Each structure stands twice: as structure tokens, then as C-alpha cells.
C-alpha atoms as a PDB file:
ATOM      1  CA  MET A   1      87.636  86.848  65.817  1.00  0.00           C
ATOM      2  CA  GLY A   2      90.201  89.144  67.397  1.00  0.00           C
ATOM      3  CA  MET A   3      89.926  92.886  67.712  1.00  0.00           C
ATOM      4  CA  HIS A   4      92.267  95.392  66.099  1.00  0.00           C
ATOM      5  CA  ILE A   5      92.331  97.445  69.313  1.00  0.00           C
ATOM      6  CA  LYS A   6      93.566  96.684  72.821  1.00  0.00           C
ATOM      7  CA  LYS A   7      93.111  98.057  76.316  1.00  0.00           C
ATOM      8  CA  GLY A   8      95.244 101.186  76.767  1.00  0.00           C
ATOM      9  CA  ASP A   9      95.209 102.211  73.071  1.00  0.00           C
ATOM     10  CA  THR A  10      94.278 105.746  72.112  1.00  0.00           C
ATOM     11  CA  VAL A  11      91.464 105.605  69.572  1.00  0.00           C
ATOM     12  CA  LEU A  12      89.464 107.955  67.352  1.00  0.00           C
ATOM     13  CA  VAL A  13      85.695 107.526  66.991  1.00  0.00           C
ATOM     14  CA  ILE A  14      84.881 107.499  63.268  1.00  0.00           C
ATOM     15  CA  ALA A  15      81.087 107.058  63.390  1.00  0.00           C
ATOM     16  CA  GLY A  16      78.146 107.724  65.702  1.00  0.00           C
ATOM     17  CA  LYS A  17      77.094 110.564  67.985  1.00  0.00           C
ATOM     18  CA  ASP A  18      80.636 111.038  69.345  1.00  0.00           C
ATOM     19  CA  LYS A  19      82.326 111.120  65.907  1.00  0.00           C
ATOM     20  CA  GLY A  20      85.690 112.909  66.017  1.00  0.00           C
ATOM     21  CA  LYS A  21      86.362 112.361  69.733  1.00  0.00           C
ATOM     22  CA  THR A  22      89.509 110.610  70.926  1.00  0.00           C
ATOM     23  CA  GLY A  23      90.046 108.699  74.128  1.00  0.00           C
ATOM     24  CA  LYS A  24      91.850 105.849  75.819  1.00  0.00           C
ATOM     25  CA  ILE A  25      90.315 102.367  75.895  1.00  0.00           C
ATOM     26  CA  ILE A  26      89.255 101.346  79.397  1.00  0.00           C
ATOM     27  CA  SER A  27      88.150  97.791  78.555  1.00  0.00           C
ATOM     28  CA  CYS A  28      87.532  95.536  75.549  1.00  0.00           C
ATOM     29  CA  ASP A  29      85.008  92.778  74.915  1.00  0.00           C
ATOM     30  CA  PRO A  30      86.240  90.732  71.925  1.00  0.00           C
ATOM     31  CA  LYS A  31      83.260  88.374  72.055  1.00  0.00           C
ATOM     32  CA  ASN A  32      80.824  91.228  71.306  1.00  0.00           C
ATOM     33  CA  ASN A  33      83.397  93.364  69.412  1.00  0.00           C
ATOM     34  CA  THR A  34      82.841  96.337  71.740  1.00  0.00           C
ATOM     35  CA  ALA A  35      85.049  98.581  73.857  1.00  0.00           C
ATOM     36  CA  LYS A  36      84.634 101.215  76.556  1.00  0.00           C
ATOM     37  CA  VAL A  37      86.425 104.455  75.728  1.00  0.00           C
ATOM     38  CA  ASP A  38      87.101 107.163  78.326  1.00  0.00           C
ATOM     39  CA  GLY A  39      84.867 110.208  77.662  1.00  0.00           C
ATOM     40  CA  VAL A  40      82.951 108.621  74.773  1.00  0.00           C
ATOM     41  CA  ASN A  41      79.299 107.443  74.856  1.00  0.00           C
ATOM     42  CA  VAL A  42      78.825 108.723  78.413  1.00  0.00           C
ATOM     43  CA  VAL A  43      75.695 107.216  79.979  1.00  0.00           C
ATOM     44  CA  THR A  44      73.922 107.979  83.256  1.00  0.00           C
ATOM     45  CA  LYS A  45      73.406 105.171  85.772  1.00  0.00           C
ATOM     46  CA  HIS A  46      71.118 105.424  88.793  1.00  0.00           C
ATOM     47  CA  SER A  47      72.180 103.325  91.779  1.00  0.00           C
ATOM     48  CA  LYS A  48      70.130 102.509  94.836  1.00  0.00           C
ATOM     49  CA  PRO A  49      71.832 102.236  98.233  1.00  0.00           C
ATOM     50  CA  ARG A  50      72.212  98.529  99.027  1.00  0.00           C
ATOM     51  CA  GLY A  51      73.691  98.690 102.512  1.00  0.00           C
ATOM     52  CA  ARG A  52      73.904 100.902 105.566  1.00  0.00           C
ATOM     53  CA  ASP A  53      77.192 102.486 104.452  1.00  0.00           C
ATOM     54  CA  ASP A  54      76.386 102.439 100.724  1.00  0.00           C
ATOM     55  CA  VAL A  55      75.412 105.715  99.106  1.00  0.00           C
ATOM     56  CA  GLY A  56      73.115 105.745  96.096  1.00  0.00           C
ATOM     57  CA  GLY A  57      73.044 108.399  93.447  1.00  0.00           C
ATOM     58  CA  ILE A  58      73.445 109.252  89.803  1.00  0.00           C
ATOM     59  CA  ARG A  59      76.764 108.333  88.166  1.00  0.00           C
ATOM     60  CA  LYS A  60      78.093 109.073  84.703  1.00  0.00           C
ATOM     61  CA  MET A  61      80.149 106.317  83.100  1.00  0.00           C
ATOM     62  CA  ALA A  62      81.428 105.246  79.697  1.00  0.00           C
ATOM     63  CA  GLY A  63      79.173 102.996  77.653  1.00  0.00           C
ATOM     64  CA  ASN A  64      80.150 100.439  75.027  1.00  0.00           C
ATOM     65  CA  VAL A  65      81.172 101.492  71.521  1.00  0.00           C
ATOM     66  CA  ASP A  66      81.279  99.041  68.620  1.00  0.00           C
ATOM     67  CA  GLY A  67      84.809  98.149  67.512  1.00  0.00           C
ATOM     68  CA  SER A  68      84.030  98.975  63.882  1.00  0.00           C
ATOM     69  CA  ASN A  69      83.495 102.622  64.874  1.00  0.00           C
ATOM     70  CA  LEU A  70      86.986 102.970  66.368  1.00  0.00           C
ATOM     71  CA  MET A  71      90.348 103.596  64.728  1.00  0.00           C
ATOM     72  CA  VAL A  72      93.743 103.332  66.440  1.00  0.00           C
ATOM     73  CA  VAL A  73      95.769 106.550  66.806  1.00  0.00           C
ATOM     74  CA  CYS A  74      99.467 105.864  66.180  1.00  0.00           C
ATOM     75  CA  PRO A  75     101.683 107.013  69.092  1.00  0.00           C
ATOM     76  CA  ALA A  76     104.571 107.754  66.684  1.00  0.00           C
ATOM     77  CA  CYS A  77     102.892 109.883  63.987  1.00  0.00           C
ATOM     78  CA  GLY A  78      99.731 110.907  65.882  1.00  0.00           C
ATOM     79  CA  LYS A  79      97.391 110.002  62.999  1.00  0.00           C
ATOM     80  CA  ALA A  80      94.452 107.615  63.022  1.00  0.00           C
ATOM     81  CA  SER A  81      95.396 104.550  61.043  1.00  0.00           C
ATOM     82  CA  ARG A  82      94.489 100.969  60.333  1.00  0.00           C
ATOM     83  CA  ALA A  83      96.597  98.344  62.039  1.00  0.00           C
ATOM     84  CA  ALA A  84      98.730  95.929  60.034  1.00  0.00           C
ATOM     85  CA  HIS A  85     100.358  92.841  61.514  1.00  0.00           C
ATOM     86  CA  ARG A  86     104.038  91.955  61.143  1.00  0.00           C
ATOM     87  CA  LYS A  87     106.180  89.154  62.484  1.00  0.00           C
ATOM     88  CA  LEU A  88     109.444  90.084  64.162  1.00  0.00           C
ATOM     89  CA  ASP A  89     112.663  88.080  63.855  1.00  0.00           C
ATOM     90  CA  SER A  90     111.919  86.613  67.279  1.00  0.00           C
ATOM     91  CA  GLY A  91     108.635  85.222  65.942  1.00  0.00           C
ATOM     92  CA  ALA A  92     106.409  87.637  67.857  1.00  0.00           C
ATOM     93  CA  LYS A  93     103.453  89.142  66.018  1.00  0.00           C
ATOM     94  CA  VAL A  94     103.028  92.914  66.506  1.00  0.00           C
ATOM     95  CA  ARG A  95     100.587  95.547  65.270  1.00  0.00           C
ATOM     96  CA  VAL A  96     102.079  98.201  62.972  1.00  0.00           C
ATOM     97  CA  CYS A  97     100.765 101.586  61.786  1.00  0.00           C
ATOM     98  CA  LYS A  98      99.866 101.542  58.062  1.00  0.00           C
ATOM     99  CA  LYS A  99     100.921 105.180  57.587  1.00  0.00           C
ATOM    100  CA  CYS A 100     104.331 105.397  59.270  1.00  0.00           C
ATOM    101  CA  ASP A 101     105.208 101.673  59.618  1.00  0.00           C
ATOM    102  CA  GLN A 102     105.971 102.066  63.357  1.00  0.00           C
ATOM    103  CA  SER A 103     104.885  99.600  66.039  1.00  0.00           C
ATOM    104  CA  LEU A 104     101.633 100.324  67.890  1.00  0.00           C
ATOM    105  CA  GLU A 105     102.856  98.308  70.888  1.00  0.00           C
ATOM    106  CA  THR A 106     104.341 100.920  73.207  1.00  0.00           C
ATOM    107  CA  GLY A 107     105.337  99.094  76.368  1.00  0.00           C
ATOM    108  CA  LYS A 108     101.856  97.690  76.899  1.00  0.00           C
ATOM    109  CA  GLU A 109     102.873  94.088  76.359  1.00  0.00           C
ATOM    110  CA  LYS A 110     103.070  92.036  79.485  1.00  0.00           C
ATOM    111  CA  LYS A 111     106.563  91.358  80.708  1.00  0.00           C
ATOM    112  CA  LYS A 112     107.274  87.893  81.987  1.00  0.00           C
ATOM    113  CA  LYS A 113     108.290  87.752  85.601  1.00  0.00           C
ATOM    114  CA  ALA A 114     111.750  86.389  86.220  1.00  0.00           C
ATOM    115  CA  VAL A 115     111.679  83.176  88.186  1.00  0.00           C
ATOM    116  CA  LYS A 116     114.045  83.236  91.121  1.00  0.00           C
ATOM    117  CA  LYS A 117     116.160  80.148  91.479  1.00  0.00           C
ATOM    118  CA  THR A 118     117.383  79.415  94.967  1.00  0.00           C
ATOM    119  CA  ASP A 119     119.993  76.916  96.062  1.00  0.00           C
ATOM    120  CA  LYS A 120     118.242  76.273  99.363  1.00  0.00           C
ATOM    121  CA  ALA A 121     117.160  72.762 100.143  1.00  0.00           C
ATOM    122  CA  PRO A 122     113.434  72.277 100.666  1.00  0.00           C
ATOM    123  CA  LYS A 123     112.277  72.204 104.283  1.00  0.00           C
ATOM    124  CA  ALA A 124     111.781  68.749 105.741  1.00  0.00           C
ATOM    125  CA  LYS A 125     108.262  67.939 106.850  1.00  0.00           C
ATOM    126  CA  LYS A 126     107.744  67.372 110.546  1.00  0.00           C
ATOM    127  CA  THR A 127     106.634  63.921 111.538  1.00  0.00           C
ATOM    128  CA  LYS A 128     104.575  62.872 114.510  1.00  0.00           C
ATOM    129  CA  GLU A 129     107.733  61.844 116.392  1.00  0.00           C
ATOM    130  CA  ASP A 130     109.281  65.304 115.919  1.00  0.00           C
ATOM    131  CA  LYS A 131     106.127  66.992 117.189  1.00  0.00           C
ATOM    132  CA  ALA A 132     106.020  64.804 120.309  1.00  0.00           C
ATOM    133  CA  GLU A 133     109.546  65.843 121.365  1.00  0.00           C
END
């Protein structure tokens, strides 16, 4: 099952100890329906030095938050909203804000790289006779 949120979305936490906080999604795990949100569910990790140049210490990092506790914040209207899905004329499926009917995809979609076409002929492989000369 897919998630209603994506990496880079701004989300609002609607349940749990960090209820009311907003942050940007750092990473998503659709298999477990969890996401890491910047500044939410901050946990402390202790690391031991593993090499001569490695430094151990105590680090604070974002922990996982269940996807059901997150709600997308619309970039157009600034309100937390559920995400609807619409098909464009081109056949692409996009997420849309339920409150203002604006797209939630704000330049995050991956752009296809243009393939360069060259008129150059491929290089001929050298044979043993060419190498001997």
C-alpha cells in the first residue's frame, strides 16, 4: 500500500507526544508506513568510536513516526489537509489538496534527463594487427 506523503513534504503531526509540530520529511518507509520528520520524535543515539579517526559520542536524530499520525500541509493554502488524487490530461496522477484543490507536487517530481543524440560514428575497435604496428 502506498503512502499519502512523500520525501520533501511539509507535514503536521496530528497525534502522539509531538502533536502540533510541523516539519519536513527526511525519509519514508512505505513498507512499514513510517517516516522520519525533521525536528519530530528526536531520539538520542550513543555511538562508540570504531576506528582510529572515528569519534564516538552522543547524537540527537529524528526517529520514525507512523504515517497515520501525519497530515500533509498544502504549500498553496498553508493548511493541513488530506490528499486527493487526480489524473491530468497527460495521464499523470498527482496529489491534490482537499481544501483548496491545488496540486501538492511542487517541483519535487523527478525530471527526465534529456538524452543527447550525436551524429558521430562509433569508434572502431583496435585489432591485434593494429596494435602490432
